[in-house]
Amino acid sequence: MGSKNCQYCNAKGLLEEFNFCPFCGKKLISSGVCGNCGFNNPESAKFCQECGSLLSVSGKGTQPKVTILESEPVPKEGITIEFGYSSSSNFDLAIRAAEVFPSFKVFGEGKKATYRINFDQPNIETTLELVKFIRGWKSSRIYTDGERSTWDSVYSFLWCYENRYSSFKPKLYCYGYENNYDINIWGCIQARMPFTDYTPWAEWGKWLDNNGTWQFDKERIRHELQVALFKYRYCPAIQLDLIEDVLNAFPESVNPRKDKNWKFIESWGNDGLTPVIMIKTKSFGFEDKVKMKGVAPNGVGAIKEIIKRMKHKLPKEIMK
């Protein structure tokens, strides 16, 4: 014959047919059965799948393991995630994922309850499991420094970050290791500024003389990087200090006539805005003057020179 325990006074080994505890007189509730609506939940459930009421109790009386609070303002610092009751099969899993956070709070009860966590940016990776459960729910909300935000403004990095873990060499993924066109030392393929012939920053600068000395526009490069990476700023893999290190190690000016690690970029049509210079070149034994609009790395030599001047130590495999 089966037995059950009292949820209130913790009396053990009570007969299965008992409806009330013989020691405290409280009505006995079978494990998983909601005392609010009577729904029969799985024994492992902590919250009712029908009305959202807390199922777990501890000690004497009816005090839940999680303290139920009155509503309070969203914290003015950090990132805050809130969600309410959902009919999703992942609702109970979401509760469990949120409970591990020290900041976890519950406001209200049942289907009207609101569940909240607050965290600092460096801890965003610990929230990924919870976000996967609740991101598409109507009851879910996200705030940054107390202001209502959108999921994409904070978690735009999610798809790229997941691709990183499923890649051939995750530690090299952000450097564009798996695609030559993405090869970079910024440490993020979302910068969209590879170190190839057709990189956009090759045209950001000006000619200092008619001999082919090119000065890079570092401020524009920095600005364009900030624009491109803004929505990925919360990515756990992004290294903003690395990007600044690359910029500091970037040459102020180069002349491909004197430095074979760099080459001229030919202009196939002048828009009237891009500065060009006429450079003598040899092709098939003939000399000709060609319009050049900038300079780009000539192989990996230019990248190696920048890396030598950097404080960060980058993986050697980047130069494959």
Protein backbone atom coordinates (compact mmCIF):
# COMPACT_ATOMS: atom_id res chain seq x y z
CA MET A 1 0.00 0.00 0.00
CA GLY A 2 1.33 3.42 -0.92
CA SER A 3 2.04 6.25 1.46
CA LYS A 4 2.42 10.02 1.27
CA ASN A 5 3.81 12.90 3.31
CA CYS A 6 2.17 16.03 4.70
CA GLN A 7 3.28 19.19 2.89
CA TYR A 8 2.61 21.33 5.96
CA CYS A 9 3.93 19.58 9.09
CA ASN A 10 6.22 17.20 7.17
CA ALA A 11 4.66 14.08 8.71
CA LYS A 12 5.84 11.03 6.74
CA GLY A 13 4.37 7.62 5.86
CA LEU A 14 0.70 8.65 5.92
CA LEU A 15 -1.74 6.20 4.34
CA GLU A 16 -2.60 6.90 0.72
CA GLU A 17 -6.34 7.04 1.45
CA PHE A 18 -5.93 9.85 4.05
CA ASN A 19 -7.46 13.14 2.86
CA PHE A 20 -6.38 15.10 5.95
CA CYS A 21 -3.20 14.96 8.03
CA PRO A 22 -3.87 13.22 11.39
CA PHE A 23 -1.18 15.40 13.04
CA CYS A 24 -1.95 18.95 11.87
CA GLY A 25 -5.40 18.55 10.33
CA LYS A 26 -4.41 20.16 7.00
CA LYS A 27 -5.87 18.83 3.72
CA LEU A 28 -3.33 16.60 2.02
CA ILE A 29 -2.38 17.36 -1.58
CA SER A 30 -0.85 14.70 -3.80
CA SER A 31 2.53 15.54 -5.29
CA GLY A 32 2.10 17.61 -8.44
CA VAL A 33 -1.57 18.43 -7.83
CA CYS A 34 -2.17 22.19 -7.76
CA GLY A 35 -3.81 23.36 -4.54
CA ASN A 36 -5.23 26.37 -6.39
CA CYS A 37 -6.95 24.82 -9.41
CA GLY A 38 -6.56 21.05 -8.88
CA PHE A 39 -4.60 20.47 -12.11
CA ASN A 40 -2.51 17.27 -12.03
CA ASN A 41 1.05 18.32 -12.89
CA PRO A 42 4.14 16.09 -13.28
CA GLU A 43 5.72 15.36 -9.89
CA SER A 44 8.88 17.27 -10.91
CA ALA A 45 6.91 20.47 -11.70
CA LYS A 46 7.42 23.47 -9.41
CA PHE A 47 4.72 25.64 -10.99
CA CYS A 48 1.25 24.66 -12.13
CA GLN A 49 0.99 24.29 -15.91
CA GLU A 50 -2.65 25.35 -15.80
CA CYS A 51 -2.71 28.44 -13.55
CA GLY A 52 0.99 29.15 -12.87
CA SER A 53 0.69 28.80 -9.07
CA LEU A 54 3.77 27.71 -7.12
CA LEU A 55 3.59 24.00 -6.20
CA SER A 56 6.65 23.71 -3.96
CA VAL A 57 6.29 24.34 -0.24
CA SER A 58 8.85 23.96 2.51
CA GLY A 59 8.58 23.59 6.26
CA LYS A 60 5.39 24.36 8.17
CA GLY A 61 2.49 26.40 6.89
CA THR A 62 2.15 27.44 3.26
CA GLN A 63 5.33 29.53 2.77
CA PRO A 64 6.75 28.94 -0.73
CA LYS A 65 10.44 28.49 -1.45
CA VAL A 66 10.32 31.67 -3.55
CA THR A 67 9.15 34.81 -1.80
CA ILE A 68 6.17 36.44 -3.52
CA LEU A 69 6.62 40.22 -3.63
CA GLU A 70 4.57 43.24 -4.49
CA SER A 71 5.51 44.93 -7.76
CA GLU A 72 8.52 47.24 -7.72
CA PRO A 73 10.21 49.50 -10.33
CA VAL A 74 12.58 47.99 -12.89
CA PRO A 75 16.22 48.45 -11.76
CA LYS A 76 17.93 51.51 -13.25
CA GLU A 77 21.18 49.64 -13.81
CA GLY A 78 22.01 46.51 -15.77
CA ILE A 79 19.84 44.33 -17.99
CA THR A 80 16.45 43.19 -16.71
CA ILE A 81 14.38 40.31 -18.10
CA GLU A 82 10.74 39.76 -17.16
CA PHE A 83 8.20 37.16 -18.23
CA GLY A 84 4.74 36.05 -17.19
CA TYR A 85 2.69 32.90 -17.42
CA SER A 86 2.80 31.04 -20.74
CA SER A 87 1.02 27.95 -22.00
CA SER A 88 4.32 26.89 -23.58
CA SER A 89 5.62 23.47 -22.60
CA ASN A 90 8.86 25.25 -21.68
CA PHE A 91 7.23 27.39 -18.97
CA ASP A 92 8.42 25.20 -16.11
CA LEU A 93 11.92 25.00 -17.66
CA ALA A 94 12.02 28.79 -17.94
CA ILE A 95 11.17 29.11 -14.24
CA ARG A 96 13.99 26.75 -13.34
CA ALA A 97 16.46 28.59 -15.59
CA ALA A 98 15.51 31.90 -13.93
CA GLU A 99 15.62 30.55 -10.37
CA VAL A 100 19.40 30.07 -10.49
CA PHE A 101 19.97 33.83 -10.61
CA PRO A 102 20.49 35.52 -7.23
CA SER A 103 18.35 38.44 -8.48
CA PHE A 104 15.32 36.20 -9.24
CA LYS A 105 12.06 37.70 -7.98
CA VAL A 106 8.37 36.86 -8.30
CA PHE A 107 5.67 39.54 -8.26
CA GLY A 108 2.06 38.38 -7.83
CA GLU A 109 0.71 34.84 -8.02
CA GLY A 110 -0.81 32.39 -10.48
CA LYS A 111 -1.30 33.43 -14.07
CA LYS A 112 -0.83 37.07 -13.09
CA ALA A 113 2.65 36.50 -11.68
CA THR A 114 5.68 38.28 -13.14
CA TYR A 115 9.12 36.66 -12.95
CA ARG A 116 12.20 38.90 -13.08
CA ILE A 117 15.98 38.68 -13.15
CA ASN A 118 18.56 41.47 -13.32
CA PHE A 119 22.21 41.07 -14.34
CA ASP A 120 25.29 42.94 -15.55
CA GLN A 121 26.55 42.71 -19.14
CA PRO A 122 29.54 40.42 -18.32
CA ASN A 123 27.05 37.78 -17.12
CA ILE A 124 24.91 37.77 -20.27
CA GLU A 125 26.18 34.35 -21.38
CA THR A 126 24.51 32.78 -18.32
CA THR A 127 21.10 33.98 -19.58
CA LEU A 128 21.17 32.29 -22.99
CA GLU A 129 19.24 29.19 -21.92
CA LEU A 130 16.46 31.28 -20.37
CA VAL A 131 16.27 33.59 -23.40
CA LYS A 132 15.84 30.66 -25.77
CA PHE A 133 12.76 29.61 -23.81
CA ILE A 134 11.00 32.98 -23.44
CA ARG A 135 12.14 35.23 -26.29
CA GLY A 136 9.05 34.63 -28.43
CA TRP A 137 6.49 34.86 -25.63
CA LYS A 138 4.06 37.77 -25.53
CA SER A 139 4.60 38.02 -21.78
CA SER A 140 8.39 38.48 -22.04
CA ARG A 141 10.07 41.90 -21.79
CA ILE A 142 13.62 43.21 -21.63
CA TYR A 143 15.03 46.45 -20.20
CA THR A 144 18.45 48.09 -20.29
CA ASP A 145 19.27 50.47 -17.44
CA GLY A 146 15.56 50.70 -16.60
CA GLU A 147 14.40 51.57 -20.13
CA ARG A 148 12.21 49.22 -22.19
CA SER A 149 14.26 47.70 -24.99
CA THR A 150 13.91 45.09 -27.73
CA TRP A 151 15.30 41.58 -27.77
CA ASP A 152 17.24 42.22 -30.97
CA SER A 153 18.96 45.28 -29.53
CA VAL A 154 20.49 43.09 -26.82
CA TYR A 155 20.61 39.55 -28.24
CA SER A 156 21.35 40.18 -31.94
CA PHE A 157 24.59 38.29 -31.42
CA LEU A 158 22.81 35.05 -30.53
CA TRP A 159 22.73 33.39 -33.97
CA CYS A 160 26.38 34.28 -34.69
CA TYR A 161 27.47 33.17 -31.22
CA GLU A 162 25.77 29.79 -31.75
CA ASN A 163 27.46 29.43 -35.15
CA ARG A 164 30.76 30.04 -33.40
CA TYR A 165 30.25 27.02 -31.15
CA SER A 166 29.24 24.77 -34.04
CA SER A 167 32.16 25.86 -36.24
CA PHE A 168 35.26 23.81 -37.11
CA LYS A 169 37.51 25.87 -34.81
CA PRO A 170 35.37 28.01 -32.47
CA LYS A 171 38.31 30.03 -31.10
CA LEU A 172 39.20 31.17 -34.63
CA TYR A 173 35.65 31.64 -35.93
CA CYS A 174 35.45 35.34 -35.00
CA TYR A 175 38.66 36.03 -36.96
CA GLY A 176 37.08 34.72 -40.18
CA TYR A 177 39.16 31.55 -40.21
CA GLU A 178 36.59 29.55 -42.16
CA ASN A 179 36.13 32.12 -44.93
CA ASN A 180 39.05 33.95 -46.55
CA TYR A 181 36.88 36.97 -47.31
CA ASP A 182 36.15 37.39 -43.60
CA ILE A 183 39.77 37.11 -42.43
CA ASN A 184 40.42 39.86 -39.90
CA ILE A 185 42.29 40.70 -36.71
CA TRP A 186 39.44 42.75 -35.20
CA GLY A 187 38.23 39.52 -33.58
CA CYS A 188 34.71 39.85 -35.00
CA ILE A 189 33.41 38.96 -38.46
CA GLN A 190 30.47 41.31 -37.92
CA ALA A 191 32.90 44.23 -38.27
CA ARG A 192 32.63 43.58 -42.04
CA MET A 193 36.16 44.95 -42.49
CA PRO A 194 38.30 42.03 -43.68
CA PHE A 195 41.99 42.36 -44.54
CA THR A 196 41.54 41.62 -48.25
CA ASP A 197 41.80 43.50 -51.55
CA TYR A 198 38.23 44.70 -51.37
CA THR A 199 38.06 45.85 -47.79
CA PRO A 200 36.16 49.15 -47.43
CA TRP A 201 38.76 50.78 -45.17
CA ALA A 202 41.30 50.62 -48.05
CA GLU A 203 39.66 53.77 -49.48
CA TRP A 204 39.30 55.71 -46.23
CA GLY A 205 42.15 58.18 -46.20
CA LYS A 206 44.05 60.61 -48.41
CA TRP A 207 47.18 60.91 -50.53
CA LEU A 208 49.95 62.87 -48.83
CA ASP A 209 52.00 63.34 -52.01
CA ASN A 210 52.13 62.46 -55.69
CA ASN A 211 54.60 59.68 -55.01
CA GLY A 212 51.98 57.32 -53.54
CA THR A 213 52.08 57.93 -49.78
CA TRP A 214 48.68 57.13 -48.32
CA GLN A 215 47.41 58.24 -44.90
CA PHE A 216 44.68 56.11 -43.30
CA ASP A 217 41.64 57.83 -41.83
CA LYS A 218 41.71 56.05 -38.47
CA GLU A 219 38.85 58.10 -37.05
CA ARG A 220 36.54 57.00 -39.83
CA ILE A 221 37.62 53.39 -39.42
CA ARG A 222 36.87 53.64 -35.69
CA HIS A 223 33.47 55.23 -36.37
CA GLU A 224 32.46 52.62 -38.95
CA LEU A 225 33.49 49.84 -36.57
CA GLN A 226 31.35 51.34 -33.82
CA VAL A 227 28.34 51.54 -36.17
CA ALA A 228 28.79 47.97 -37.47
CA LEU A 229 29.28 46.41 -34.03
CA PHE A 230 26.75 48.42 -32.02
CA LYS A 231 24.01 45.78 -32.11
CA TYR A 232 26.55 43.05 -31.27
CA ARG A 233 28.00 44.99 -28.33
CA TYR A 234 26.61 42.51 -25.77
CA CYS A 235 28.20 39.46 -27.44
CA PRO A 236 30.24 37.48 -24.87
CA ALA A 237 32.95 36.91 -27.49
CA ILE A 238 33.48 40.52 -28.58
CA GLN A 239 36.70 42.21 -27.41
CA LEU A 240 36.38 45.98 -27.66
CA ASP A 241 39.85 46.48 -26.18
CA LEU A 242 41.27 44.23 -28.92
CA ILE A 243 39.67 46.39 -31.62
CA GLU A 244 41.20 49.53 -30.12
CA ASP A 245 44.56 47.74 -29.93
CA VAL A 246 44.40 46.95 -33.66
CA LEU A 247 43.63 50.60 -34.46
CA ASN A 248 46.54 51.82 -32.35
CA ALA A 249 48.88 49.37 -34.10
CA PHE A 250 47.58 50.37 -37.54
CA PRO A 251 50.17 52.32 -39.58
CA GLU A 252 49.57 56.05 -39.88
CA SER A 253 50.65 56.00 -43.52
CA VAL A 254 52.14 53.59 -46.07
CA ASN A 255 53.64 53.78 -49.54
CA PRO A 256 53.37 50.57 -51.61
CA ARG A 257 56.36 51.77 -53.69
CA LYS A 258 58.53 51.34 -50.60
CA ASP A 259 56.60 48.76 -48.57
CA LYS A 260 55.83 45.54 -50.45
CA ASN A 261 53.38 44.45 -47.74
CA TRP A 262 50.92 46.94 -49.25
CA LYS A 263 49.59 47.48 -52.75
CA PHE A 264 47.68 50.16 -54.63
CA ILE A 265 43.97 49.76 -55.30
CA GLU A 266 42.99 50.70 -58.82
CA SER A 267 40.01 52.98 -59.43
CA TRP A 268 37.65 51.64 -62.10
CA GLY A 269 35.48 54.71 -62.10
CA ASN A 270 35.78 57.97 -60.23
CA ASP A 271 32.70 59.14 -58.32
CA GLY A 272 34.21 62.57 -57.84
CA LEU A 273 34.41 62.07 -54.09
CA THR A 274 37.15 59.45 -53.72
CA PRO A 275 40.66 60.98 -53.98
CA VAL A 276 42.72 59.37 -56.75
CA ILE A 277 46.33 59.54 -57.85
CA MET A 278 48.07 58.57 -61.09
CA ILE A 279 50.63 55.83 -60.53
CA LYS A 280 52.95 54.32 -63.16
CA THR A 281 52.52 50.57 -63.45
CA LYS A 282 53.91 47.84 -65.68
CA SER A 283 51.62 45.29 -67.28
CA PHE A 284 52.70 42.76 -69.92
CA GLY A 285 55.92 44.73 -70.42
CA PHE A 286 54.17 48.07 -71.01
CA GLU A 287 54.21 51.10 -68.72
CA ASP A 288 51.02 53.02 -68.12
CA LYS A 289 49.60 55.54 -65.69
CA VAL A 290 46.64 54.20 -63.72
CA LYS A 291 44.24 55.90 -61.31
CA MET A 292 44.62 54.56 -57.77
CA LYS A 293 42.05 55.19 -55.02
CA GLY A 294 43.71 53.67 -51.95
CA VAL A 295 45.91 50.89 -50.60
CA ALA A 296 45.22 47.39 -49.28
CA PRO A 297 47.22 44.54 -47.68
CA ASN A 298 49.42 42.67 -50.13
CA GLY A 299 49.14 39.22 -48.59
CA VAL A 300 49.64 38.45 -44.89
CA GLY A 301 52.79 40.58 -44.49
CA ALA A 302 50.83 43.75 -43.66
CA ILE A 303 48.74 41.90 -41.07
CA LYS A 304 51.82 40.39 -39.43
CA GLU A 305 53.39 43.82 -39.07
CA ILE A 306 50.28 45.16 -37.33
CA ILE A 307 50.15 42.12 -35.02
CA LYS A 308 53.78 42.70 -33.99
CA ARG A 309 52.88 46.18 -32.76
CA MET A 310 49.82 45.00 -30.82
CA LYS A 311 49.65 44.28 -27.08
CA HIS A 312 47.22 41.39 -27.54
CA LYS A 313 48.57 37.98 -28.50
CA LEU A 314 46.49 36.58 -31.36
CA PRO A 315 46.23 32.90 -32.38
CA LYS A 316 48.96 31.99 -34.87
CA GLU A 317 46.47 29.99 -36.93
CA ILE A 318 44.79 33.24 -38.10
CA MET A 319 47.49 33.61 -40.75
CA LYS A 320 46.98 29.99 -41.89
